[in-house]
């Protein structure tokens, strides 16, 4: 398979791409590096699509959250492909990943690690927990104890692990993809609001349509589709892509649009707990990543509308009056999107 070496020259703002045949292509870095990485993002999605069939919108939003440096919560019934989705992303991006099946007897030390006394009895050595990787898959996170769930908080927010007063950074890039079964399933308990707020988005995969399920059945007779996934990116490229996302421009009117939407969740009489400022920041970062994946270095109102519900729905608590009247979070967010008028941006 042909490979390319990318050399970025910051001094002259140009980028060389040296192909396997030693052909040198010179790009204007300022104009083309974002396009290059957007193409790389599409390659990643194409690989994941080999395994997760008929869920293109979910794949796009998961990659959007990764590029926005966020963590992802996948909530759905067992067996719809949540774990497979996470494994496919880790393989396509060549990220070191660990998977931990959360059960009631999983301890915080299983997550963050512990210190072990050496055989000589004179020193302690750190034994890393499952969290010390690029992509941590927390399977069925709502089946474990609150104490173990809280062990994730520091590392999800700050990218650091503290054991016995010693702090260590996790590898970069770092993200958590957590899965949970719907509340009410046997052996589950609700995640605290403080932990839910650490997840940038919450997604529900849903069942596949008939055509996709037939394709799934045919492809899984003789082989594991994960074997088809090949590496098309690596950790260094993901970091560069995340850096490019940070440089996406947001007009003041888009900032105001984001703020007005969030403010409506705090003022609505049917909502007990509205979206926090952390939620506003998450929405802004997701908007930037959405623009990036659409080959733009600027955000538009449609970017906000595309990710709004996925970013804020898990950060809200409804009042009893709303639940009694069968009003859902989705209903309220749809109303808010209709209520707040999006800005009209002129061509730049």
C-alpha atoms as a PDB file:
ATOM      1  CA  UNK A   1       0.000   0.000   0.000  1.00  0.00           C
ATOM      2  CA  UNK A   2       1.397   3.405  -0.951  1.00  0.00           C
ATOM      3  CA  UNK A   3       2.499   5.517   1.983  1.00  0.00           C
ATOM      4  CA  UNK A   4       3.232   9.217   2.287  1.00  0.00           C
ATOM      5  CA  UNK A   5       5.482  11.253   4.549  1.00  0.00           C
ATOM      6  CA  UNK A   6       4.115  14.645   5.520  1.00  0.00           C
ATOM      7  CA  UNK A   7       6.623  17.371   6.388  1.00  0.00           C
ATOM      8  CA  UNK A   8       5.202  20.679   7.587  1.00  0.00           C
ATOM      9  CA  UNK A   9       7.463  23.711   7.283  1.00  0.00           C
ATOM     10  CA  UNK A  10       6.176  26.318   9.723  1.00  0.00           C
ATOM     11  CA  UNK A  11       8.791  28.914   8.787  1.00  0.00           C
ATOM     12  CA  UNK A  12       7.561  29.317   5.217  1.00  0.00           C
ATOM     13  CA  UNK A  13       3.983  28.179   5.833  1.00  0.00           C
ATOM     14  CA  UNK A  14       4.193  25.389   3.275  1.00  0.00           C
ATOM     15  CA  UNK A  15       3.756  21.647   3.485  1.00  0.00           C
ATOM     16  CA  UNK A  16       5.648  18.965   1.596  1.00  0.00           C
ATOM     17  CA  UNK A  17       4.090  15.586   0.913  1.00  0.00           C
ATOM     18  CA  UNK A  18       6.730  13.067  -0.094  1.00  0.00           C
ATOM     19  CA  UNK A  19       5.190   9.995  -1.642  1.00  0.00           C
ATOM     20  CA  UNK A  20       6.629   6.497  -1.724  1.00  0.00           C
ATOM     21  CA  UNK A  21       7.976   7.214  -5.218  1.00  0.00           C
ATOM     22  CA  UNK A  22       9.809  10.293  -3.876  1.00  0.00           C
ATOM     23  CA  UNK A  23       7.503  12.685  -5.673  1.00  0.00           C
ATOM     24  CA  UNK A  24       7.389  15.998  -3.845  1.00  0.00           C
ATOM     25  CA  UNK A  25       4.103  17.891  -3.814  1.00  0.00           C
ATOM     26  CA  UNK A  26       4.113  21.381  -2.318  1.00  0.00           C
ATOM     27  CA  UNK A  27       0.965  22.737  -0.713  1.00  0.00           C
ATOM     28  CA  UNK A  28       0.278  26.175   0.610  1.00  0.00           C
ATOM     29  CA  UNK A  29      -0.110  25.157   4.246  1.00  0.00           C
ATOM     30  CA  UNK A  30      -2.528  27.907   5.166  1.00  0.00           C
ATOM     31  CA  UNK A  31      -5.082  26.904   2.527  1.00  0.00           C
ATOM     32  CA  UNK A  32      -4.663  23.174   2.157  1.00  0.00           C
ATOM     33  CA  UNK A  33      -3.721  21.577   5.455  1.00  0.00           C
ATOM     34  CA  UNK A  34      -7.332  21.658   6.695  1.00  0.00           C
ATOM     35  CA  UNK A  35      -8.527  20.069   3.453  1.00  0.00           C
ATOM     36  CA  UNK A  36      -5.857  17.377   3.798  1.00  0.00           C
ATOM     37  CA  UNK A  37      -6.945  16.492   7.318  1.00  0.00           C
ATOM     38  CA  UNK A  38     -10.637  16.625   6.397  1.00  0.00           C
ATOM     39  CA  UNK A  39      -9.879  14.028   3.712  1.00  0.00           C
ATOM     40  CA  UNK A  40      -8.091  11.953   6.353  1.00  0.00           C
ATOM     41  CA  UNK A  41     -11.202  12.146   8.533  1.00  0.00           C
ATOM     42  CA  UNK A  42     -13.296  10.786   5.672  1.00  0.00           C
ATOM     43  CA  UNK A  43     -10.907   7.843   5.323  1.00  0.00           C
ATOM     44  CA  UNK A  44     -11.418   7.050   9.009  1.00  0.00           C
ATOM     45  CA  UNK A  45     -15.196   7.116   8.611  1.00  0.00           C
ATOM     46  CA  UNK A  46     -14.999   4.884   5.559  1.00  0.00           C
ATOM     47  CA  UNK A  47     -13.110   2.259   7.559  1.00  0.00           C
ATOM     48  CA  UNK A  48     -15.607   2.337  10.433  1.00  0.00           C
ATOM     49  CA  UNK A  49     -18.454   2.042   7.920  1.00  0.00           C
ATOM     50  CA  UNK A  50     -17.083  -1.360   6.940  1.00  0.00           C
ATOM     51  CA  UNK A  51     -18.105  -2.649  10.362  1.00  0.00           C
ATOM     52  CA  UNK A  52     -20.949  -0.449  11.575  1.00  0.00           C
ATOM     53  CA  UNK A  53     -23.505  -0.620   8.783  1.00  0.00           C
ATOM     54  CA  UNK A  54     -26.272   1.905   8.215  1.00  0.00           C
ATOM     55  CA  UNK A  55     -25.188   4.260  11.021  1.00  0.00           C
ATOM     56  CA  UNK A  56     -23.327   6.925   9.076  1.00  0.00           C
ATOM     57  CA  UNK A  57     -24.766   9.784  11.131  1.00  0.00           C
ATOM     58  CA  UNK A  58     -23.591   8.177  14.382  1.00  0.00           C
ATOM     59  CA  UNK A  59     -20.110   7.609  12.941  1.00  0.00           C
ATOM     60  CA  UNK A  60     -19.859  11.248  11.873  1.00  0.00           C
ATOM     61  CA  UNK A  61     -20.857  12.504  15.319  1.00  0.00           C
ATOM     62  CA  UNK A  62     -18.456  10.186  17.144  1.00  0.00           C
ATOM     63  CA  UNK A  63     -15.560  11.390  14.986  1.00  0.00           C
ATOM     64  CA  UNK A  64     -16.740  14.972  15.470  1.00  0.00           C
ATOM     65  CA  UNK A  65     -16.509  14.521  19.241  1.00  0.00           C
ATOM     66  CA  UNK A  66     -13.048  12.933  18.942  1.00  0.00           C
ATOM     67  CA  UNK A  67     -11.768  15.885  16.927  1.00  0.00           C
ATOM     68  CA  UNK A  68     -13.347  18.243  19.471  1.00  0.00           C
ATOM     69  CA  UNK A  69     -11.351  16.480  22.246  1.00  0.00           C
ATOM     70  CA  UNK A  70     -14.513  15.188  23.869  1.00  0.00           C
ATOM     71  CA  UNK A  71     -15.707  11.972  25.476  1.00  0.00           C
ATOM     72  CA  UNK A  72     -18.651   9.978  24.150  1.00  0.00           C
ATOM     73  CA  UNK A  73     -21.495   8.211  25.926  1.00  0.00           C
ATOM     74  CA  UNK A  74     -23.331   5.552  23.914  1.00  0.00           C
ATOM     75  CA  UNK A  75     -26.643   4.641  25.497  1.00  0.00           C
ATOM     76  CA  UNK A  76     -28.719   1.855  23.988  1.00  0.00           C
ATOM     77  CA  UNK A  77     -29.898  -1.701  24.332  1.00  0.00           C
ATOM     78  CA  UNK A  78     -27.325  -4.517  24.389  1.00  0.00           C
ATOM     79  CA  UNK A  79     -26.160  -5.928  21.080  1.00  0.00           C
ATOM     80  CA  UNK A  80     -26.637  -2.935  18.745  1.00  0.00           C
ATOM     81  CA  UNK A  81     -22.912  -2.418  18.054  1.00  0.00           C
ATOM     82  CA  UNK A  82     -21.744   0.110  20.656  1.00  0.00           C
ATOM     83  CA  UNK A  83     -18.550  -1.768  21.517  1.00  0.00           C
ATOM     84  CA  UNK A  84     -17.860  -2.669  17.883  1.00  0.00           C
ATOM     85  CA  UNK A  85     -18.080   1.012  16.949  1.00  0.00           C
ATOM     86  CA  UNK A  86     -15.447   1.954  19.524  1.00  0.00           C
ATOM     87  CA  UNK A  87     -13.095  -0.858  18.510  1.00  0.00           C
ATOM     88  CA  UNK A  88     -13.391   0.070  14.833  1.00  0.00           C
ATOM     89  CA  UNK A  89     -12.380   3.658  15.555  1.00  0.00           C
ATOM     90  CA  UNK A  90      -9.391   2.565  17.631  1.00  0.00           C
ATOM     91  CA  UNK A  91      -8.179   0.283  14.848  1.00  0.00           C
ATOM     92  CA  UNK A  92      -8.664   2.815  12.037  1.00  0.00           C
ATOM     93  CA  UNK A  93      -6.720   5.430  14.012  1.00  0.00           C
ATOM     94  CA  UNK A  94      -4.106   3.012  15.406  1.00  0.00           C
ATOM     95  CA  UNK A  95      -4.814   4.134  18.955  1.00  0.00           C
ATOM     96  CA  UNK A  96      -3.724   2.088  21.925  1.00  0.00           C
ATOM     97  CA  UNK A  97      -6.976   1.034  23.532  1.00  0.00           C
ATOM     98  CA  UNK A  98      -8.092  -0.760  26.662  1.00  0.00           C
ATOM     99  CA  UNK A  99     -11.515  -2.142  27.400  1.00  0.00           C
ATOM    100  CA  UNK A 100     -12.897  -2.584  30.893  1.00  0.00           C
ATOM    101  CA  UNK A 101     -16.176  -4.367  31.503  1.00  0.00           C
ATOM    102  CA  UNK A 102     -17.708  -2.534  34.443  1.00  0.00           C
ATOM    103  CA  UNK A 103     -19.329  -4.782  37.019  1.00  0.00           C
ATOM    104  CA  UNK A 104     -20.225  -4.169  40.677  1.00  0.00           C
ATOM    105  CA  UNK A 105     -16.894  -5.624  41.857  1.00  0.00           C
ATOM    106  CA  UNK A 106     -14.631  -3.433  39.670  1.00  0.00           C
ATOM    107  CA  UNK A 107     -12.478  -1.221  41.915  1.00  0.00           C
ATOM    108  CA  UNK A 108     -11.138   2.314  41.322  1.00  0.00           C
ATOM    109  CA  UNK A 109      -7.609   0.859  41.232  1.00  0.00           C
ATOM    110  CA  UNK A 110      -8.633  -1.246  38.230  1.00  0.00           C
ATOM    111  CA  UNK A 111      -9.260   2.026  36.419  1.00  0.00           C
ATOM    112  CA  UNK A 112      -6.452   4.335  37.563  1.00  0.00           C
ATOM    113  CA  UNK A 113      -3.813   1.850  38.727  1.00  0.00           C
ATOM    114  CA  UNK A 114      -1.962   1.357  42.003  1.00  0.00           C
ATOM    115  CA  UNK A 115       1.493   1.219  43.601  1.00  0.00           C
ATOM    116  CA  UNK A 116       3.017  -2.173  44.383  1.00  0.00           C
ATOM    117  CA  UNK A 117       5.902  -2.825  46.766  1.00  0.00           C
ATOM    118  CA  UNK A 118       8.951  -4.252  45.007  1.00  0.00           C
ATOM    119  CA  UNK A 119      10.409  -7.603  45.950  1.00  0.00           C
ATOM    120  CA  UNK A 120      13.299  -5.847  47.689  1.00  0.00           C
ATOM    121  CA  UNK A 121      10.797  -4.114  49.954  1.00  0.00           C
ATOM    122  CA  UNK A 122      12.427  -0.702  49.475  1.00  0.00           C
ATOM    123  CA  UNK A 123      10.404   1.016  46.754  1.00  0.00           C
ATOM    124  CA  UNK A 124       6.978   1.120  45.157  1.00  0.00           C
ATOM    125  CA  UNK A 125       6.345   0.735  41.447  1.00  0.00           C
ATOM    126  CA  UNK A 126       3.312   2.118  39.654  1.00  0.00           C
ATOM    127  CA  UNK A 127       1.131  -0.459  37.957  1.00  0.00           C
ATOM    128  CA  UNK A 128      -0.972   1.398  35.351  1.00  0.00           C
ATOM    129  CA  UNK A 129      -4.723   0.926  35.314  1.00  0.00           C
ATOM    130  CA  UNK A 130      -6.852   0.390  32.237  1.00  0.00           C
ATOM    131  CA  UNK A 131      -7.252   4.154  31.772  1.00  0.00           C
ATOM    132  CA  UNK A 132      -3.604   4.626  30.705  1.00  0.00           C
ATOM    133  CA  UNK A 133      -4.181   4.419  26.959  1.00  0.00           C
ATOM    134  CA  UNK A 134      -5.353   6.565  24.057  1.00  0.00           C
ATOM    135  CA  UNK A 135      -8.893   5.188  23.833  1.00  0.00           C
ATOM    136  CA  UNK A 136     -10.527   3.821  26.953  1.00  0.00           C
ATOM    137  CA  UNK A 137     -13.687   1.798  26.371  1.00  0.00           C
ATOM    138  CA  UNK A 138     -15.793   1.763  29.522  1.00  0.00           C
ATOM    139  CA  UNK A 139     -18.319  -0.973  28.817  1.00  0.00           C
ATOM    140  CA  UNK A 140     -21.639  -0.802  30.691  1.00  0.00           C
ATOM    141  CA  UNK A 141     -20.406   1.985  32.925  1.00  0.00           C
ATOM    142  CA  UNK A 142     -23.679   2.189  34.819  1.00  0.00           C
ATOM    143  CA  UNK A 143     -23.306  -1.332  36.242  1.00  0.00           C
ATOM    144  CA  UNK A 144     -20.449  -0.468  38.593  1.00  0.00           C
ATOM    145  CA  UNK A 145     -20.336   1.380  41.905  1.00  0.00           C
ATOM    146  CA  UNK A 146     -20.438   5.153  42.249  1.00  0.00           C
ATOM    147  CA  UNK A 147     -16.953   5.082  43.771  1.00  0.00           C
ATOM    148  CA  UNK A 148     -15.514   3.443  40.675  1.00  0.00           C
ATOM    149  CA  UNK A 149     -17.441   5.769  38.361  1.00  0.00           C
ATOM    150  CA  UNK A 150     -16.016   8.783  40.179  1.00  0.00           C
ATOM    151  CA  UNK A 151     -12.470   7.515  39.558  1.00  0.00           C
ATOM    152  CA  UNK A 152     -12.984   8.553  35.939  1.00  0.00           C
ATOM    153  CA  UNK A 153     -13.808  12.190  36.719  1.00  0.00           C
ATOM    154  CA  UNK A 154     -10.313  13.663  37.040  1.00  0.00           C
ATOM    155  CA  UNK A 155      -8.894  11.903  34.018  1.00  0.00           C
ATOM    156  CA  UNK A 156     -11.887  12.769  31.825  1.00  0.00           C
ATOM    157  CA  UNK A 157     -11.694  16.449  32.731  1.00  0.00           C
ATOM    158  CA  UNK A 158      -7.940  17.021  33.032  1.00  0.00           C
ATOM    159  CA  UNK A 159      -6.276  14.089  31.272  1.00  0.00           C
ATOM    160  CA  UNK A 160      -4.412  13.191  34.450  1.00  0.00           C
ATOM    161  CA  UNK A 161      -4.402  10.309  36.921  1.00  0.00           C
ATOM    162  CA  UNK A 162      -3.552  10.783  40.601  1.00  0.00           C
ATOM    163  CA  UNK A 163      -2.581   7.731  42.673  1.00  0.00           C
ATOM    164  CA  UNK A 164      -1.186   8.151  46.193  1.00  0.00           C
ATOM    165  CA  UNK A 165      -0.752  11.915  45.636  1.00  0.00           C
ATOM    166  CA  UNK A 166       1.366  11.331  42.518  1.00  0.00           C
ATOM    167  CA  UNK A 167      -0.102  12.742  39.298  1.00  0.00           C
ATOM    168  CA  UNK A 168       0.605  11.298  35.868  1.00  0.00           C
ATOM    169  CA  UNK A 169      -0.645  12.392  32.478  1.00  0.00           C
ATOM    170  CA  UNK A 170      -2.445   9.935  30.219  1.00  0.00           C
ATOM    171  CA  UNK A 171      -1.163   9.422  26.652  1.00  0.00           C
ATOM    172  CA  UNK A 172      -2.253  11.922  24.007  1.00  0.00           C
ATOM    173  CA  UNK A 173      -4.656  11.854  22.252  1.00  0.00           C
ATOM    174  CA  UNK A 174      -6.991  10.577  24.949  1.00  0.00           C
ATOM    175  CA  UNK A 175     -10.698   9.881  24.895  1.00  0.00           C
ATOM    176  CA  UNK A 176     -13.272   7.818  26.742  1.00  0.00           C
ATOM    177  CA  UNK A 177     -16.044   5.998  24.936  1.00  0.00           C
ATOM    178  CA  UNK A 178     -18.484   4.699  27.514  1.00  0.00           C
ATOM    179  CA  UNK A 179     -21.480   2.491  26.898  1.00  0.00           C
ATOM    180  CA  UNK A 180     -24.467   2.095  29.159  1.00  0.00           C
ATOM    181  CA  UNK A 181     -27.696   0.171  29.032  1.00  0.00           C
ATOM    182  CA  UNK A 182     -30.948   2.122  29.433  1.00  0.00           C
ATOM    183  CA  UNK A 183     -31.841   3.099  32.977  1.00  0.00           C
ATOM    184  CA  UNK A 184     -34.126   0.468  34.435  1.00  0.00           C
ATOM    185  CA  UNK A 185     -32.232  -2.524  33.075  1.00  0.00           C
ATOM    186  CA  UNK A 186     -31.398  -5.112  35.717  1.00  0.00           C
ATOM    187  CA  UNK A 187     -28.297  -4.204  37.746  1.00  0.00           C
ATOM    188  CA  UNK A 188     -27.942  -0.623  36.511  1.00  0.00           C
ATOM    189  CA  UNK A 189     -27.810   2.646  38.412  1.00  0.00           C
ATOM    190  CA  UNK A 190     -27.931   6.239  37.212  1.00  0.00           C
ATOM    191  CA  UNK A 191     -24.714   8.104  36.534  1.00  0.00           C
ATOM    192  CA  UNK A 192     -24.372  11.260  38.671  1.00  0.00           C
ATOM    193  CA  UNK A 193     -24.914  14.588  36.925  1.00  0.00           C
ATOM    194  CA  UNK A 194     -21.275  15.546  37.556  1.00  0.00           C
ATOM    195  CA  UNK A 195     -20.106  12.592  35.499  1.00  0.00           C
ATOM    196  CA  UNK A 196     -22.704  12.918  32.749  1.00  0.00           C
ATOM    197  CA  UNK A 197     -21.564  16.512  32.279  1.00  0.00           C
ATOM    198  CA  UNK A 198     -18.040  15.254  31.444  1.00  0.00           C
ATOM    199  CA  UNK A 199     -19.293  13.523  28.305  1.00  0.00           C
ATOM    200  CA  UNK A 200     -19.329  15.860  25.329  1.00  0.00           C
ATOM    201  CA  UNK A 201     -22.150  13.995  23.598  1.00  0.00           C
ATOM    202  CA  UNK A 202     -24.622  11.216  24.287  1.00  0.00           C
ATOM    203  CA  UNK A 203     -25.738   9.121  21.341  1.00  0.00           C
ATOM    204  CA  UNK A 204     -28.277   6.362  20.817  1.00  0.00           C
ATOM    205  CA  UNK A 205     -27.498   3.976  17.965  1.00  0.00           C
ATOM    206  CA  UNK A 206     -30.858   2.283  17.617  1.00  0.00           C
ATOM    207  CA  UNK A 207     -31.632  -0.890  15.717  1.00  0.00           C
ATOM    208  CA  UNK A 208     -30.464  -1.227  12.090  1.00  0.00           C
ATOM    209  CA  UNK A 209     -32.967  -1.016   9.257  1.00  0.00           C
ATOM    210  CA  UNK A 210     -33.908  -4.218   7.407  1.00  0.00           C
ATOM    211  CA  UNK A 211     -31.453  -3.730   4.539  1.00  0.00           C
ATOM    212  CA  UNK A 212     -28.527  -3.013   6.892  1.00  0.00           C
ATOM    213  CA  UNK A 213     -29.351  -5.990   9.092  1.00  0.00           C
ATOM    214  CA  UNK A 214     -29.447  -8.321   6.090  1.00  0.00           C
ATOM    215  CA  UNK A 215     -26.019  -7.041   5.050  1.00  0.00           C
ATOM    216  CA  UNK A 216     -24.786  -7.572   8.599  1.00  0.00           C
ATOM    217  CA  UNK A 217     -26.000 -11.180   8.642  1.00  0.00           C
ATOM    218  CA  UNK A 218     -24.339 -11.956   5.322  1.00  0.00           C
ATOM    219  CA  UNK A 219     -20.992 -10.435   6.266  1.00  0.00           C
ATOM    220  CA  UNK A 220     -20.707 -12.133   9.652  1.00  0.00           C
ATOM    221  CA  UNK A 221     -21.027 -15.733   8.514  1.00  0.00           C
ATOM    222  CA  UNK A 222     -17.366 -16.501   7.932  1.00  0.00           C
ATOM    223  CA  UNK A 223     -15.333 -13.585   9.220  1.00  0.00           C
ATOM    224  CA  UNK A 224     -15.148 -10.810  11.775  1.00  0.00           C
ATOM    225  CA  UNK A 225     -15.712  -7.475   9.980  1.00  0.00           C
ATOM    226  CA  UNK A 226     -13.204  -5.823  12.334  1.00  0.00           C
ATOM    227  CA  UNK A 227     -10.518  -7.712  10.416  1.00  0.00           C
ATOM    228  CA  UNK A 228     -11.386  -5.590   7.362  1.00  0.00           C
ATOM    229  CA  UNK A 229     -10.572  -2.331   9.128  1.00  0.00           C
ATOM    230  CA  UNK A 230      -7.121  -0.993   8.260  1.00  0.00           C
ATOM    231  CA  UNK A 231      -5.143   1.823   9.783  1.00  0.00           C
ATOM    232  CA  UNK A 232      -5.558   5.095   7.886  1.00  0.00           C
ATOM    233  CA  UNK A 233      -4.354   7.523  10.578  1.00  0.00           C
ATOM    234  CA  UNK A 234      -2.309   7.578  13.751  1.00  0.00           C
ATOM    235  CA  UNK A 235      -2.212   9.438  17.047  1.00  0.00           C
ATOM    236  CA  UNK A 236       0.032  12.219  15.751  1.00  0.00           C
ATOM    237  CA  UNK A 237      -2.350  12.943  12.890  1.00  0.00           C
ATOM    238  CA  UNK A 238      -5.330  13.005  15.248  1.00  0.00           C
ATOM    239  CA  UNK A 239      -3.509  15.595  17.367  1.00  0.00           C
ATOM    240  CA  UNK A 240      -2.855  17.711  14.253  1.00  0.00           C
ATOM    241  CA  UNK A 241      -6.504  17.422  13.269  1.00  0.00           C
ATOM    242  CA  UNK A 242      -7.611  18.496  16.736  1.00  0.00           C
ATOM    243  CA  UNK A 243      -5.290  21.492  16.466  1.00  0.00           C
ATOM    244  CA  UNK A 244      -6.839  22.407  13.113  1.00  0.00           C
ATOM    245  CA  UNK A 245     -10.305  22.235  14.667  1.00  0.00           C
ATOM    246  CA  UNK A 246      -9.256  24.758  17.316  1.00  0.00           C
ATOM    247  CA  UNK A 247      -8.438  27.288  14.590  1.00  0.00           C
ATOM    248  CA  UNK A 248     -11.956  27.226  13.082  1.00  0.00           C
ATOM    249  CA  UNK A 249     -13.424  30.731  13.150  1.00  0.00           C
ATOM    250  CA  UNK A 250     -16.695  31.471  14.963  1.00  0.00           C
ATOM    251  CA  UNK A 251     -18.466  34.767  14.279  1.00  0.00           C
ATOM    252  CA  UNK A 252     -19.846  36.760  17.204  1.00  0.00           C
ATOM    253  CA  UNK A 253     -23.397  36.086  15.992  1.00  0.00           C
ATOM    254  CA  UNK A 254     -22.753  32.329  16.267  1.00  0.00           C
ATOM    255  CA  UNK A 255     -21.469  32.790  19.824  1.00  0.00           C
ATOM    256  CA  UNK A 256     -24.658  34.681  20.597  1.00  0.00           C
ATOM    257  CA  UNK A 257     -26.777  31.961  18.968  1.00  0.00           C
ATOM    258  CA  UNK A 258     -25.104  29.272  21.097  1.00  0.00           C
ATOM    259  CA  UNK A 259     -25.554  31.331  24.256  1.00  0.00           C
ATOM    260  CA  UNK A 260     -29.217  32.070  23.538  1.00  0.00           C
ATOM    261  CA  UNK A 261     -29.993  28.391  22.958  1.00  0.00           C
ATOM    262  CA  UNK A 262     -28.309  27.401  26.201  1.00  0.00           C
ATOM    263  CA  UNK A 263     -29.996  30.213  28.115  1.00  0.00           C
ATOM    264  CA  UNK A 264     -33.419  28.945  27.044  1.00  0.00           C
ATOM    265  CA  UNK A 265     -32.705  25.605  28.768  1.00  0.00           C
ATOM    266  CA  UNK A 266     -32.146  27.527  32.026  1.00  0.00           C
ATOM    267  CA  UNK A 267     -35.289  29.632  31.753  1.00  0.00           C
ATOM    268  CA  UNK A 268     -37.792  26.983  30.650  1.00  0.00           C
ATOM    269  CA  UNK A 269     -40.381  26.347  33.411  1.00  0.00           C
ATOM    270  CA  UNK A 270     -40.407  22.611  32.646  1.00  0.00           C
ATOM    271  CA  UNK A 271     -36.648  22.196  33.127  1.00  0.00           C
ATOM    272  CA  UNK A 272     -35.235  21.728  36.631  1.00  0.00           C
ATOM    273  CA  UNK A 273     -31.558  21.793  35.622  1.00  0.00           C
ATOM    274  CA  UNK A 274     -30.396  23.617  32.503  1.00  0.00           C
ATOM    275  CA  UNK A 275     -27.161  23.367  30.559  1.00  0.00           C
ATOM    276  CA  UNK A 276     -24.011  24.425  32.407  1.00  0.00           C
ATOM    277  CA  UNK A 277     -21.215  26.631  31.012  1.00  0.00           C
ATOM    278  CA  UNK A 278     -19.260  23.408  30.459  1.00  0.00           C
ATOM    279  CA  UNK A 279     -22.072  22.397  28.128  1.00  0.00           C
ATOM    280  CA  UNK A 280     -21.751  25.694  26.254  1.00  0.00           C
ATOM    281  CA  UNK A 281     -18.034  25.067  25.757  1.00  0.00           C
ATOM    282  CA  UNK A 282     -18.736  21.530  24.563  1.00  0.00           C
ATOM    283  CA  UNK A 283     -21.281  22.846  22.068  1.00  0.00           C
ATOM    284  CA  UNK A 284     -18.807  25.414  20.752  1.00  0.00           C
ATOM    285  CA  UNK A 285     -16.104  22.779  20.259  1.00  0.00           C
ATOM    286  CA  UNK A 286     -18.510  20.406  18.533  1.00  0.00           C
ATOM    287  CA  UNK A 287     -19.602  23.229  16.217  1.00  0.00           C
ATOM    288  CA  UNK A 288     -15.974  23.842  15.247  1.00  0.00           C
ATOM    289  CA  UNK A 289     -15.385  20.161  14.546  1.00  0.00           C
ATOM    290  CA  UNK A 290     -18.566  19.970  12.469  1.00  0.00           C
ATOM    291  CA  UNK A 291     -17.383  22.859  10.314  1.00  0.00           C
ATOM    292  CA  UNK A 292     -13.985  21.171   9.938  1.00  0.00           C
ATOM    293  CA  UNK A 293     -15.544  17.936   8.703  1.00  0.00           C
ATOM    294  CA  UNK A 294     -17.479  19.958   6.135  1.00  0.00           C
ATOM    295  CA  UNK A 295     -14.264  21.464   4.696  1.00  0.00           C
ATOM    296  CA  UNK A 296     -14.866  24.876   6.236  1.00  0.00           C
ATOM    297  CA  UNK A 297     -12.652  27.010   8.466  1.00  0.00           C
ATOM    298  CA  UNK A 298     -15.682  28.907   9.781  1.00  0.00           C
ATOM    299  CA  UNK A 299     -18.896  27.885  11.546  1.00  0.00           C
ATOM    300  CA  UNK A 300     -22.463  28.461  10.379  1.00  0.00           C
ATOM    301  CA  UNK A 301     -25.816  28.166  12.232  1.00  0.00           C
ATOM    302  CA  UNK A 302     -26.501  24.747  10.682  1.00  0.00           C
ATOM    303  CA  UNK A 303     -23.427  23.402  12.488  1.00  0.00           C
ATOM    304  CA  UNK A 304     -24.987  24.410  15.801  1.00  0.00           C
ATOM    305  CA  UNK A 305     -28.338  22.855  14.933  1.00  0.00           C
ATOM    306  CA  UNK A 306     -26.719  19.597  13.812  1.00  0.00           C
ATOM    307  CA  UNK A 307     -25.087  18.823  17.175  1.00  0.00           C
ATOM    308  CA  UNK A 308     -27.202  20.823  19.652  1.00  0.00           C
ATOM    309  CA  UNK A 309     -29.424  18.003  20.924  1.00  0.00           C
ATOM    310  CA  UNK A 310     -26.591  15.462  21.186  1.00  0.00           C
ATOM    311  CA  UNK A 311     -24.510  17.852  23.279  1.00  0.00           C
ATOM    312  CA  UNK A 312     -27.131  19.151  25.722  1.00  0.00           C
ATOM    313  CA  UNK A 313     -29.809  16.457  26.153  1.00  0.00           C
ATOM    314  CA  UNK A 314     -27.943  14.528  28.876  1.00  0.00           C
ATOM    315  CA  UNK A 315     -27.126  17.716  30.805  1.00  0.00           C
ATOM    316  CA  UNK A 316     -30.766  18.558  31.582  1.00  0.00           C
ATOM    317  CA  UNK A 317     -33.187  17.383  34.269  1.00  0.00           C
ATOM    318  CA  UNK A 318     -36.912  17.824  33.743  1.00  0.00           C
ATOM    319  CA  UNK A 319     -39.370  18.866  36.409  1.00  0.00           C
ATOM    320  CA  UNK A 320     -42.031  16.441  37.608  1.00  0.00           C
ATOM    321  CA  UNK A 321     -44.693  18.453  35.771  1.00  0.00           C
ATOM    322  CA  UNK A 322     -42.982  17.709  32.447  1.00  0.00           C
ATOM    323  CA  UNK A 323     -42.745  13.995  33.163  1.00  0.00           C
ATOM    324  CA  UNK A 324     -46.383  13.811  34.216  1.00  0.00           C
ATOM    325  CA  UNK A 325     -47.443  15.443  30.940  1.00  0.00           C
ATOM    326  CA  UNK A 326     -45.200  13.096  28.904  1.00  0.00           C
ATOM    327  CA  UNK A 327     -42.980  15.960  27.749  1.00  0.00           C
ATOM    328  CA  UNK A 328     -39.549  14.666  26.750  1.00  0.00           C
ATOM    329  CA  UNK A 329     -36.166  16.346  26.556  1.00  0.00           C
ATOM    330  CA  UNK A 330     -36.276  15.966  22.760  1.00  0.00           C
ATOM    331  CA  UNK A 331     -39.620  17.777  22.628  1.00  0.00           C
ATOM    332  CA  UNK A 332     -38.284  20.697  24.633  1.00  0.00           C
ATOM    333  CA  UNK A 333     -35.066  20.966  22.616  1.00  0.00           C
ATOM    334  CA  UNK A 334     -37.028  20.956  19.355  1.00  0.00           C
ATOM    335  CA  UNK A 335     -39.132  23.813  20.721  1.00  0.00           C
ATOM    336  CA  UNK A 336     -36.015  25.753  21.749  1.00  0.00           C
ATOM    337  CA  UNK A 337     -34.475  25.362  18.285  1.00  0.00           C
ATOM    338  CA  UNK A 338     -37.693  26.746  16.755  1.00  0.00           C
ATOM    339  CA  UNK A 339     -37.912  29.533  19.334  1.00  0.00           C
ATOM    340  CA  UNK A 340     -34.388  30.942  18.931  1.00  0.00           C
ATOM    341  CA  UNK A 341     -33.883  32.567  15.571  1.00  0.00           C
ATOM    342  CA  UNK A 342     -30.567  31.628  13.903  1.00  0.00           C
ATOM    343  CA  UNK A 343     -28.338  34.458  12.666  1.00  0.00           C
ATOM    344  CA  UNK A 344     -28.021  35.291   8.977  1.00  0.00           C
ATOM    345  CA  UNK A 345     -24.386  35.407   7.934  1.00  0.00           C
ATOM    346  CA  UNK A 346     -23.245  37.193   4.807  1.00  0.00           C
ATOM    347  CA  UNK A 347     -20.594  35.686   2.532  1.00  0.00           C
ATOM    348  CA  UNK A 348     -17.105  36.263   3.810  1.00  0.00           C
END
